[in-house]
């Protein structure tokens, strides 16, 4: 794999849980993607001339260890497979000093025709370049609790209504949240999902204030995202959230993002989360009254 990112966890990237917020995991790997594009022979600096962009279609993320303020971060990237218009990229994030594994990302990628906004063939030579940093998917990056079929692909507002999914975010796309493809970057889609989490826990009967009073915090351990449509600067959106199921120590939930004008689905996310003791940093049993709320399979 190639070195694709080297950086740092700043205090402002951490949340009340005491660790780096999930949006910044996506943000740092989004930055690493520019190095991948260069290695593939399609740098962002040439996309206006070529008429081709590079996009994420799906993410599977496993969060293995916390990253906290002042940790150093390194990301390596490799290509698992390449088709005619799509491919699979693997990214591995580690704490640079200890080489401790922090997160793994399996990303379905695609070549975007910037005029038609549809997938098109990779440029000549791209597949050959991909062979120079081809990698196998390691066992620690494979699904643990969320296989590929776990995420809903038949997403609609009508289904959200039928399933009793509640609104957890309503916001707009700022120009500075858009990338070189002129659409909302995946980091900021994840930032909306992060914002939904507080509403989700409150709906389940354990608000952030109650968690803090009990010395508890929450963490996401695995997540899948699929992107259906683009959002552009000035677009408005909302998110519906569903509580799916609970085990002894984990919760499964889903977030569906919609365009607030057309009601078209933008993104679906399926996640596994847990509660942990802020002092010991160990997972704790989900309270019974919270687990009962997670009954929408």
C-alpha atoms as a PDB file:
ATOM      1  CA  UNK A   1       0.000   0.000   0.000  1.00  0.00           C
ATOM      2  CA  UNK A   2       1.064   3.619  -0.443  1.00  0.00           C
ATOM      3  CA  UNK A   3       1.454   6.319   2.198  1.00  0.00           C
ATOM      4  CA  UNK A   4      -1.555   8.549   1.647  1.00  0.00           C
ATOM      5  CA  UNK A   5      -1.963  10.713   4.763  1.00  0.00           C
ATOM      6  CA  UNK A   6       0.005  11.834   7.798  1.00  0.00           C
ATOM      7  CA  UNK A   7      -1.499  14.198  10.342  1.00  0.00           C
ATOM      8  CA  UNK A   8      -2.555  14.909  13.880  1.00  0.00           C
ATOM      9  CA  UNK A   9      -5.641  14.797  16.094  1.00  0.00           C
ATOM     10  CA  UNK A  10      -6.393  18.324  17.271  1.00  0.00           C
ATOM     11  CA  UNK A  11      -8.502  19.175  20.303  1.00  0.00           C
ATOM     12  CA  UNK A  12     -11.252  20.684  18.152  1.00  0.00           C
ATOM     13  CA  UNK A  13     -11.614  17.354  16.308  1.00  0.00           C
ATOM     14  CA  UNK A  14     -12.586  15.600  19.543  1.00  0.00           C
ATOM     15  CA  UNK A  15     -16.069  15.476  21.045  1.00  0.00           C
ATOM     16  CA  UNK A  16     -17.460  15.160  24.554  1.00  0.00           C
ATOM     17  CA  UNK A  17     -16.586  11.461  24.514  1.00  0.00           C
ATOM     18  CA  UNK A  18     -12.903  12.375  24.716  1.00  0.00           C
ATOM     19  CA  UNK A  19     -12.003  10.924  21.315  1.00  0.00           C
ATOM     20  CA  UNK A  20     -11.847  12.025  17.688  1.00  0.00           C
ATOM     21  CA  UNK A  21     -15.318  12.442  16.229  1.00  0.00           C
ATOM     22  CA  UNK A  22     -16.310  10.039  13.435  1.00  0.00           C
ATOM     23  CA  UNK A  23     -16.546  12.815  10.827  1.00  0.00           C
ATOM     24  CA  UNK A  24     -12.798  13.432  11.086  1.00  0.00           C
ATOM     25  CA  UNK A  25     -11.994   9.792  10.351  1.00  0.00           C
ATOM     26  CA  UNK A  26     -13.776  10.290   7.036  1.00  0.00           C
ATOM     27  CA  UNK A  27     -12.175  13.743   6.653  1.00  0.00           C
ATOM     28  CA  UNK A  28      -8.632  12.413   6.958  1.00  0.00           C
ATOM     29  CA  UNK A  29      -9.266   9.495   4.614  1.00  0.00           C
ATOM     30  CA  UNK A  30     -10.932  11.910   2.180  1.00  0.00           C
ATOM     31  CA  UNK A  31      -7.669  13.874   2.161  1.00  0.00           C
ATOM     32  CA  UNK A  32      -5.763  10.631   1.597  1.00  0.00           C
ATOM     33  CA  UNK A  33      -7.875   9.979  -1.492  1.00  0.00           C
ATOM     34  CA  UNK A  34      -6.109  12.795  -3.344  1.00  0.00           C
ATOM     35  CA  UNK A  35      -2.856  10.837  -3.076  1.00  0.00           C
ATOM     36  CA  UNK A  36      -4.672   7.740  -4.331  1.00  0.00           C
ATOM     37  CA  UNK A  37      -5.996   9.719  -7.288  1.00  0.00           C
ATOM     38  CA  UNK A  38      -2.467  10.874  -8.107  1.00  0.00           C
ATOM     39  CA  UNK A  39      -1.197   7.278  -7.907  1.00  0.00           C
ATOM     40  CA  UNK A  40      -3.992   6.233 -10.288  1.00  0.00           C
ATOM     41  CA  UNK A  41      -2.961   8.916 -12.777  1.00  0.00           C
ATOM     42  CA  UNK A  42      -6.065  11.058 -12.399  1.00  0.00           C
ATOM     43  CA  UNK A  43      -5.113  13.922 -10.042  1.00  0.00           C
ATOM     44  CA  UNK A  44      -7.775  16.433  -9.068  1.00  0.00           C
ATOM     45  CA  UNK A  45      -5.737  19.193 -10.744  1.00  0.00           C
ATOM     46  CA  UNK A  46      -6.494  17.600 -14.122  1.00  0.00           C
ATOM     47  CA  UNK A  47     -10.157  16.712 -13.650  1.00  0.00           C
ATOM     48  CA  UNK A  48     -11.474  19.866 -15.308  1.00  0.00           C
ATOM     49  CA  UNK A  49      -9.540  18.992 -18.446  1.00  0.00           C
ATOM     50  CA  UNK A  50     -10.336  15.282 -18.356  1.00  0.00           C
ATOM     51  CA  UNK A  51     -13.988  15.731 -17.405  1.00  0.00           C
ATOM     52  CA  UNK A  52     -13.670  12.847 -14.957  1.00  0.00           C
ATOM     53  CA  UNK A  53     -13.958  12.840 -11.168  1.00  0.00           C
ATOM     54  CA  UNK A  54     -13.430  10.214  -8.493  1.00  0.00           C
ATOM     55  CA  UNK A  55     -16.187   9.427  -5.989  1.00  0.00           C
ATOM     56  CA  UNK A  56     -17.061   7.159  -3.080  1.00  0.00           C
ATOM     57  CA  UNK A  57     -20.115   4.974  -3.652  1.00  0.00           C
ATOM     58  CA  UNK A  58     -20.115   2.984  -0.407  1.00  0.00           C
ATOM     59  CA  UNK A  59     -18.141   2.879   2.839  1.00  0.00           C
ATOM     60  CA  UNK A  60     -17.630   0.031   5.287  1.00  0.00           C
ATOM     61  CA  UNK A  61     -15.791   1.291   8.379  1.00  0.00           C
ATOM     62  CA  UNK A  62     -14.581  -0.489  11.473  1.00  0.00           C
ATOM     63  CA  UNK A  63     -13.397   1.606  14.408  1.00  0.00           C
ATOM     64  CA  UNK A  64     -10.828  -0.543  16.232  1.00  0.00           C
ATOM     65  CA  UNK A  65      -9.298   1.843  18.796  1.00  0.00           C
ATOM     66  CA  UNK A  66      -9.938   5.388  19.919  1.00  0.00           C
ATOM     67  CA  UNK A  67      -7.854   8.273  18.638  1.00  0.00           C
ATOM     68  CA  UNK A  68      -7.504  11.112  21.124  1.00  0.00           C
ATOM     69  CA  UNK A  69      -6.149  14.659  21.125  1.00  0.00           C
ATOM     70  CA  UNK A  70      -2.432  14.864  20.225  1.00  0.00           C
ATOM     71  CA  UNK A  71      -2.331  11.395  18.657  1.00  0.00           C
ATOM     72  CA  UNK A  72      -0.413  11.229  15.384  1.00  0.00           C
ATOM     73  CA  UNK A  73      -2.268   9.694  12.458  1.00  0.00           C
ATOM     74  CA  UNK A  74      -1.034   7.819   9.390  1.00  0.00           C
ATOM     75  CA  UNK A  75      -3.115   6.320   6.580  1.00  0.00           C
ATOM     76  CA  UNK A  76      -2.019   3.791   3.979  1.00  0.00           C
ATOM     77  CA  UNK A  77      -4.153   2.998   0.935  1.00  0.00           C
ATOM     78  CA  UNK A  78      -4.323   0.190  -1.577  1.00  0.00           C
ATOM     79  CA  UNK A  79      -6.568  -1.063  -4.356  1.00  0.00           C
ATOM     80  CA  UNK A  80      -8.365  -4.355  -3.774  1.00  0.00           C
ATOM     81  CA  UNK A  81      -9.993  -4.605  -7.199  1.00  0.00           C
ATOM     82  CA  UNK A  82     -10.708  -2.499 -10.279  1.00  0.00           C
ATOM     83  CA  UNK A  83     -13.511  -2.907 -12.786  1.00  0.00           C
ATOM     84  CA  UNK A  84     -14.312  -0.854 -15.891  1.00  0.00           C
ATOM     85  CA  UNK A  85     -16.082   1.971 -14.031  1.00  0.00           C
ATOM     86  CA  UNK A  86     -15.783   1.092 -10.352  1.00  0.00           C
ATOM     87  CA  UNK A  87     -13.307  -0.384  -7.904  1.00  0.00           C
ATOM     88  CA  UNK A  88     -12.659  -1.194  -4.256  1.00  0.00           C
ATOM     89  CA  UNK A  89     -10.133   0.757  -2.198  1.00  0.00           C
ATOM     90  CA  UNK A  90      -8.762  -0.218   1.197  1.00  0.00           C
ATOM     91  CA  UNK A  91      -7.562   2.389   3.718  1.00  0.00           C
ATOM     92  CA  UNK A  92      -5.917   1.622   7.031  1.00  0.00           C
ATOM     93  CA  UNK A  93      -5.579   4.286   9.727  1.00  0.00           C
ATOM     94  CA  UNK A  94      -3.039   3.877  12.530  1.00  0.00           C
ATOM     95  CA  UNK A  95      -1.650   5.880  15.412  1.00  0.00           C
ATOM     96  CA  UNK A  96       1.753   6.690  13.934  1.00  0.00           C
ATOM     97  CA  UNK A  97       3.978   6.446  17.028  1.00  0.00           C
ATOM     98  CA  UNK A  98       2.706   3.094  18.319  1.00  0.00           C
ATOM     99  CA  UNK A  99       1.542   1.689  14.955  1.00  0.00           C
ATOM    100  CA  UNK A 100      -1.722   0.897  16.764  1.00  0.00           C
ATOM    101  CA  UNK A 101      -4.610   0.107  14.393  1.00  0.00           C
ATOM    102  CA  UNK A 102      -7.322   2.760  14.762  1.00  0.00           C
ATOM    103  CA  UNK A 103      -9.742   2.192  11.875  1.00  0.00           C
ATOM    104  CA  UNK A 104     -10.194   0.356   8.586  1.00  0.00           C
ATOM    105  CA  UNK A 105     -12.115   1.564   5.543  1.00  0.00           C
ATOM    106  CA  UNK A 106     -13.315  -0.465   2.582  1.00  0.00           C
ATOM    107  CA  UNK A 107     -14.567   1.988  -0.025  1.00  0.00           C
ATOM    108  CA  UNK A 108     -16.393   1.248  -3.261  1.00  0.00           C
ATOM    109  CA  UNK A 109     -15.179   3.926  -5.664  1.00  0.00           C
ATOM    110  CA  UNK A 110     -16.273   5.065  -9.099  1.00  0.00           C
ATOM    111  CA  UNK A 111     -15.210   7.237 -12.022  1.00  0.00           C
ATOM    112  CA  UNK A 112     -17.656  10.133 -12.427  1.00  0.00           C
ATOM    113  CA  UNK A 113     -18.425  11.890 -15.709  1.00  0.00           C
ATOM    114  CA  UNK A 114     -18.575  15.486 -14.488  1.00  0.00           C
ATOM    115  CA  UNK A 115     -20.970  16.572 -17.249  1.00  0.00           C
ATOM    116  CA  UNK A 116     -23.564  13.787 -17.138  1.00  0.00           C
ATOM    117  CA  UNK A 117     -22.968  13.062 -13.399  1.00  0.00           C
ATOM    118  CA  UNK A 118     -23.000   9.352 -14.196  1.00  0.00           C
ATOM    119  CA  UNK A 119     -20.363   6.657 -13.845  1.00  0.00           C
ATOM    120  CA  UNK A 120     -18.003   6.303 -16.794  1.00  0.00           C
ATOM    121  CA  UNK A 121     -14.934   4.243 -17.678  1.00  0.00           C
ATOM    122  CA  UNK A 122     -11.647   4.863 -15.912  1.00  0.00           C
ATOM    123  CA  UNK A 123      -9.075   6.744 -18.005  1.00  0.00           C
ATOM    124  CA  UNK A 124      -6.632   4.701 -20.088  1.00  0.00           C
ATOM    125  CA  UNK A 125      -3.842   3.429 -17.856  1.00  0.00           C
ATOM    126  CA  UNK A 126      -5.716   3.710 -14.567  1.00  0.00           C
ATOM    127  CA  UNK A 127      -6.210  -0.029 -14.113  1.00  0.00           C
ATOM    128  CA  UNK A 128      -2.531  -0.683 -14.839  1.00  0.00           C
ATOM    129  CA  UNK A 129      -1.492   1.921 -12.268  1.00  0.00           C
ATOM    130  CA  UNK A 130      -3.837   0.339  -9.721  1.00  0.00           C
ATOM    131  CA  UNK A 131      -1.841  -2.891 -10.016  1.00  0.00           C
ATOM    132  CA  UNK A 132       1.231  -1.121  -8.573  1.00  0.00           C
ATOM    133  CA  UNK A 133      -0.438  -0.797  -5.166  1.00  0.00           C
ATOM    134  CA  UNK A 134      -2.883  -3.668  -5.209  1.00  0.00           C
ATOM    135  CA  UNK A 135      -3.545  -5.224  -1.808  1.00  0.00           C
ATOM    136  CA  UNK A 136      -5.553  -8.007  -0.239  1.00  0.00           C
ATOM    137  CA  UNK A 137      -8.274  -7.191   2.257  1.00  0.00           C
ATOM    138  CA  UNK A 138      -7.011  -8.234   5.727  1.00  0.00           C
ATOM    139  CA  UNK A 139      -9.231 -10.134   8.123  1.00  0.00           C
ATOM    140  CA  UNK A 140      -9.382  -7.198  10.548  1.00  0.00           C
ATOM    141  CA  UNK A 141     -11.089  -5.084   7.862  1.00  0.00           C
ATOM    142  CA  UNK A 142     -13.798  -7.602   7.060  1.00  0.00           C
ATOM    143  CA  UNK A 143     -17.353  -7.210   8.444  1.00  0.00           C
ATOM    144  CA  UNK A 144     -17.898  -8.194  12.036  1.00  0.00           C
ATOM    145  CA  UNK A 145     -21.495  -7.222  12.765  1.00  0.00           C
ATOM    146  CA  UNK A 146     -22.610  -5.514   9.544  1.00  0.00           C
ATOM    147  CA  UNK A 147     -22.237  -7.633   6.394  1.00  0.00           C
ATOM    148  CA  UNK A 148     -22.869  -5.913   3.070  1.00  0.00           C
ATOM    149  CA  UNK A 149     -26.474  -7.135   2.963  1.00  0.00           C
ATOM    150  CA  UNK A 150     -27.161  -5.511   6.351  1.00  0.00           C
ATOM    151  CA  UNK A 151     -27.698  -2.063   4.905  1.00  0.00           C
ATOM    152  CA  UNK A 152     -31.065  -1.192   3.403  1.00  0.00           C
ATOM    153  CA  UNK A 153     -30.921  -0.185  -0.260  1.00  0.00           C
ATOM    154  CA  UNK A 154     -34.659   0.219  -0.827  1.00  0.00           C
ATOM    155  CA  UNK A 155     -34.774   3.591   0.911  1.00  0.00           C
ATOM    156  CA  UNK A 156     -37.728   5.970   0.673  1.00  0.00           C
ATOM    157  CA  UNK A 157     -39.542   8.489   2.826  1.00  0.00           C
ATOM    158  CA  UNK A 158     -42.652   6.300   2.701  1.00  0.00           C
ATOM    159  CA  UNK A 159     -40.684   3.398   4.186  1.00  0.00           C
ATOM    160  CA  UNK A 160     -39.221   5.683   6.839  1.00  0.00           C
ATOM    161  CA  UNK A 161     -42.762   6.731   7.781  1.00  0.00           C
ATOM    162  CA  UNK A 162     -43.957   3.122   7.879  1.00  0.00           C
ATOM    163  CA  UNK A 163     -41.021   2.123  10.101  1.00  0.00           C
ATOM    164  CA  UNK A 164     -41.601   4.994  12.522  1.00  0.00           C
ATOM    165  CA  UNK A 165     -38.238   6.634  11.843  1.00  0.00           C
ATOM    166  CA  UNK A 166     -38.001  10.035  13.519  1.00  0.00           C
ATOM    167  CA  UNK A 167     -36.315  13.226  12.344  1.00  0.00           C
ATOM    168  CA  UNK A 168     -32.855  13.694  13.852  1.00  0.00           C
ATOM    169  CA  UNK A 169     -31.297  16.386  11.648  1.00  0.00           C
ATOM    170  CA  UNK A 170     -32.475  19.229   9.416  1.00  0.00           C
ATOM    171  CA  UNK A 171     -29.798  21.395   7.847  1.00  0.00           C
ATOM    172  CA  UNK A 172     -28.281  22.815   4.646  1.00  0.00           C
ATOM    173  CA  UNK A 173     -25.153  22.306   2.547  1.00  0.00           C
ATOM    174  CA  UNK A 174     -22.619  25.105   2.888  1.00  0.00           C
ATOM    175  CA  UNK A 175     -20.295  25.914  -0.048  1.00  0.00           C
ATOM    176  CA  UNK A 176     -17.227  25.072   2.043  1.00  0.00           C
ATOM    177  CA  UNK A 177     -18.615  21.547   2.597  1.00  0.00           C
ATOM    178  CA  UNK A 178     -18.283  20.734  -1.113  1.00  0.00           C
ATOM    179  CA  UNK A 179     -15.218  19.174  -2.746  1.00  0.00           C
ATOM    180  CA  UNK A 180     -13.583  19.213  -6.178  1.00  0.00           C
ATOM    181  CA  UNK A 181     -16.585  17.318  -7.573  1.00  0.00           C
ATOM    182  CA  UNK A 182     -18.744  20.277  -6.529  1.00  0.00           C
ATOM    183  CA  UNK A 183     -20.899  18.169  -4.231  1.00  0.00           C
ATOM    184  CA  UNK A 184     -21.095  17.646  -0.486  1.00  0.00           C
ATOM    185  CA  UNK A 185     -17.999  15.780   0.705  1.00  0.00           C
ATOM    186  CA  UNK A 186     -18.513  12.499   2.562  1.00  0.00           C
ATOM    187  CA  UNK A 187     -16.929  14.014   5.689  1.00  0.00           C
ATOM    188  CA  UNK A 188     -19.843  16.414   6.033  1.00  0.00           C
ATOM    189  CA  UNK A 189     -22.414  13.713   5.372  1.00  0.00           C
ATOM    190  CA  UNK A 190     -20.796  11.928   8.308  1.00  0.00           C
ATOM    191  CA  UNK A 191     -20.917  15.140  10.353  1.00  0.00           C
ATOM    192  CA  UNK A 192     -24.717  15.182   9.962  1.00  0.00           C
ATOM    193  CA  UNK A 193     -24.860  11.541  11.042  1.00  0.00           C
ATOM    194  CA  UNK A 194     -22.744  12.404  14.059  1.00  0.00           C
ATOM    195  CA  UNK A 195     -25.176  15.194  14.925  1.00  0.00           C
ATOM    196  CA  UNK A 196     -28.048  12.687  14.692  1.00  0.00           C
ATOM    197  CA  UNK A 197     -26.547  10.507  17.393  1.00  0.00           C
ATOM    198  CA  UNK A 198     -27.496  12.827  20.261  1.00  0.00           C
ATOM    199  CA  UNK A 199     -31.124  12.852  19.133  1.00  0.00           C
ATOM    200  CA  UNK A 200     -31.039   9.075  18.747  1.00  0.00           C
ATOM    201  CA  UNK A 201     -29.807   8.496  22.308  1.00  0.00           C
ATOM    202  CA  UNK A 202     -32.320  10.989  23.699  1.00  0.00           C
ATOM    203  CA  UNK A 203     -35.111   9.199  21.813  1.00  0.00           C
ATOM    204  CA  UNK A 204     -33.882   5.932  23.338  1.00  0.00           C
ATOM    205  CA  UNK A 205     -34.173   7.413  26.823  1.00  0.00           C
ATOM    206  CA  UNK A 206     -30.554   8.214  27.649  1.00  0.00           C
ATOM    207  CA  UNK A 207     -29.648  11.759  26.611  1.00  0.00           C
ATOM    208  CA  UNK A 208     -26.112  13.116  26.431  1.00  0.00           C
ATOM    209  CA  UNK A 209     -26.647  15.045  29.696  1.00  0.00           C
ATOM    210  CA  UNK A 210     -27.817  11.875  31.442  1.00  0.00           C
ATOM    211  CA  UNK A 211     -24.835   9.956  30.061  1.00  0.00           C
ATOM    212  CA  UNK A 212     -22.433  12.583  31.380  1.00  0.00           C
ATOM    213  CA  UNK A 213     -24.051  12.528  34.819  1.00  0.00           C
ATOM    214  CA  UNK A 214     -23.554   8.746  34.909  1.00  0.00           C
ATOM    215  CA  UNK A 215     -19.935   8.915  33.728  1.00  0.00           C
ATOM    216  CA  UNK A 216     -20.845   7.243  30.433  1.00  0.00           C
ATOM    217  CA  UNK A 217     -20.068   7.943  26.810  1.00  0.00           C
ATOM    218  CA  UNK A 218     -20.874   6.347  23.456  1.00  0.00           C
ATOM    219  CA  UNK A 219     -18.818   5.021  20.559  1.00  0.00           C
ATOM    220  CA  UNK A 220     -19.473   3.674  17.083  1.00  0.00           C
ATOM    221  CA  UNK A 221     -17.668   0.402  16.377  1.00  0.00           C
ATOM    222  CA  UNK A 222     -18.801  -0.373  12.833  1.00  0.00           C
ATOM    223  CA  UNK A 223     -20.677   1.495  10.125  1.00  0.00           C
ATOM    224  CA  UNK A 224     -21.855   1.087   6.557  1.00  0.00           C
ATOM    225  CA  UNK A 225     -22.851   3.945   4.272  1.00  0.00           C
ATOM    226  CA  UNK A 226     -24.227   3.952   0.741  1.00  0.00           C
ATOM    227  CA  UNK A 227     -24.577   7.131  -1.318  1.00  0.00           C
ATOM    228  CA  UNK A 228     -27.547   7.428  -3.694  1.00  0.00           C
ATOM    229  CA  UNK A 229     -27.620  11.048  -4.879  1.00  0.00           C
ATOM    230  CA  UNK A 230     -25.456  14.143  -4.737  1.00  0.00           C
ATOM    231  CA  UNK A 231     -26.076  17.240  -2.643  1.00  0.00           C
ATOM    232  CA  UNK A 232     -24.798  20.626  -3.784  1.00  0.00           C
ATOM    233  CA  UNK A 233     -24.140  23.942  -2.077  1.00  0.00           C
ATOM    234  CA  UNK A 234     -27.413  25.504  -0.970  1.00  0.00           C
ATOM    235  CA  UNK A 235     -29.365  22.232  -0.945  1.00  0.00           C
ATOM    236  CA  UNK A 236     -31.417  21.507   2.162  1.00  0.00           C
ATOM    237  CA  UNK A 237     -31.706  18.114   3.795  1.00  0.00           C
ATOM    238  CA  UNK A 238     -33.165  16.136   6.671  1.00  0.00           C
ATOM    239  CA  UNK A 239     -32.356  12.799   8.284  1.00  0.00           C
ATOM    240  CA  UNK A 240     -34.667  10.120   9.657  1.00  0.00           C
ATOM    241  CA  UNK A 241     -33.351   7.725  12.300  1.00  0.00           C
ATOM    242  CA  UNK A 242     -34.501   4.251  13.297  1.00  0.00           C
ATOM    243  CA  UNK A 243     -33.672   2.128  16.326  1.00  0.00           C
ATOM    244  CA  UNK A 244     -33.158  -1.399  15.015  1.00  0.00           C
ATOM    245  CA  UNK A 245     -32.067  -3.796  17.747  1.00  0.00           C
ATOM    246  CA  UNK A 246     -30.005  -4.192  20.905  1.00  0.00           C
ATOM    247  CA  UNK A 247     -27.797  -6.904  22.347  1.00  0.00           C
ATOM    248  CA  UNK A 248     -26.251  -6.971  25.792  1.00  0.00           C
ATOM    249  CA  UNK A 249     -23.615  -4.358  24.927  1.00  0.00           C
ATOM    250  CA  UNK A 250     -24.316  -3.070  21.422  1.00  0.00           C
ATOM    251  CA  UNK A 251     -27.033  -1.110  19.663  1.00  0.00           C
ATOM    252  CA  UNK A 252     -27.853  -1.179  15.971  1.00  0.00           C
ATOM    253  CA  UNK A 253     -29.368   1.883  14.341  1.00  0.00           C
ATOM    254  CA  UNK A 254     -29.918   3.451  10.934  1.00  0.00           C
ATOM    255  CA  UNK A 255     -29.931   6.961   9.525  1.00  0.00           C
ATOM    256  CA  UNK A 256     -31.521   7.848   6.167  1.00  0.00           C
ATOM    257  CA  UNK A 257     -30.727  11.245   4.623  1.00  0.00           C
ATOM    258  CA  UNK A 258     -33.136  12.920   2.203  1.00  0.00           C
ATOM    259  CA  UNK A 259     -33.172  15.995  -0.019  1.00  0.00           C
ATOM    260  CA  UNK A 260     -35.677  18.256   1.763  1.00  0.00           C
ATOM    261  CA  UNK A 261     -37.099  19.628  -1.523  1.00  0.00           C
ATOM    262  CA  UNK A 262     -37.472  16.459  -3.608  1.00  0.00           C
ATOM    263  CA  UNK A 263     -37.583  13.881  -0.753  1.00  0.00           C
ATOM    264  CA  UNK A 264     -35.115  11.767  -2.751  1.00  0.00           C
ATOM    265  CA  UNK A 265     -32.795   9.563  -0.671  1.00  0.00           C
ATOM    266  CA  UNK A 266     -29.229  10.865  -0.472  1.00  0.00           C
ATOM    267  CA  UNK A 267     -27.493   8.416   1.839  1.00  0.00           C
ATOM    268  CA  UNK A 268     -28.254   5.453   4.081  1.00  0.00           C
ATOM    269  CA  UNK A 269     -26.117   4.554   7.080  1.00  0.00           C
ATOM    270  CA  UNK A 270     -26.275   1.507   9.314  1.00  0.00           C
ATOM    271  CA  UNK A 271     -24.269   1.518  12.536  1.00  0.00           C
ATOM    272  CA  UNK A 272     -23.327  -0.464  15.606  1.00  0.00           C
ATOM    273  CA  UNK A 273     -22.696   1.497  18.785  1.00  0.00           C
ATOM    274  CA  UNK A 274     -22.030   0.937  22.454  1.00  0.00           C
ATOM    275  CA  UNK A 275     -21.920   2.641  25.838  1.00  0.00           C
ATOM    276  CA  UNK A 276     -18.647   2.803  27.730  1.00  0.00           C
ATOM    277  CA  UNK A 277     -17.373   3.954  31.102  1.00  0.00           C
ATOM    278  CA  UNK A 278     -15.443   7.212  30.564  1.00  0.00           C
ATOM    279  CA  UNK A 279     -12.919   6.350  33.257  1.00  0.00           C
ATOM    280  CA  UNK A 280     -12.125   2.740  32.366  1.00  0.00           C
ATOM    281  CA  UNK A 281     -12.919   3.168  28.617  1.00  0.00           C
ATOM    282  CA  UNK A 282     -14.623  -0.254  28.778  1.00  0.00           C
ATOM    283  CA  UNK A 283     -18.031  -1.143  27.324  1.00  0.00           C
ATOM    284  CA  UNK A 284     -20.926  -1.427  29.772  1.00  0.00           C
ATOM    285  CA  UNK A 285     -24.252  -3.240  29.601  1.00  0.00           C
ATOM    286  CA  UNK A 286     -27.026  -1.379  27.777  1.00  0.00           C
ATOM    287  CA  UNK A 287     -29.712  -0.354  30.308  1.00  0.00           C
ATOM    288  CA  UNK A 288     -32.882  -2.433  29.910  1.00  0.00           C
ATOM    289  CA  UNK A 289     -35.128   0.603  29.374  1.00  0.00           C
ATOM    290  CA  UNK A 290     -32.890   1.719  26.481  1.00  0.00           C
ATOM    291  CA  UNK A 291     -32.659  -1.737  24.903  1.00  0.00           C
ATOM    292  CA  UNK A 292     -36.472  -1.949  24.815  1.00  0.00           C
ATOM    293  CA  UNK A 293     -36.574   1.063  22.486  1.00  0.00           C
ATOM    294  CA  UNK A 294     -34.522  -0.769  19.867  1.00  0.00           C
ATOM    295  CA  UNK A 295     -37.229  -2.995  18.489  1.00  0.00           C
ATOM    296  CA  UNK A 296     -37.624  -1.812  14.907  1.00  0.00           C
ATOM    297  CA  UNK A 297     -35.961  -4.606  12.902  1.00  0.00           C
END
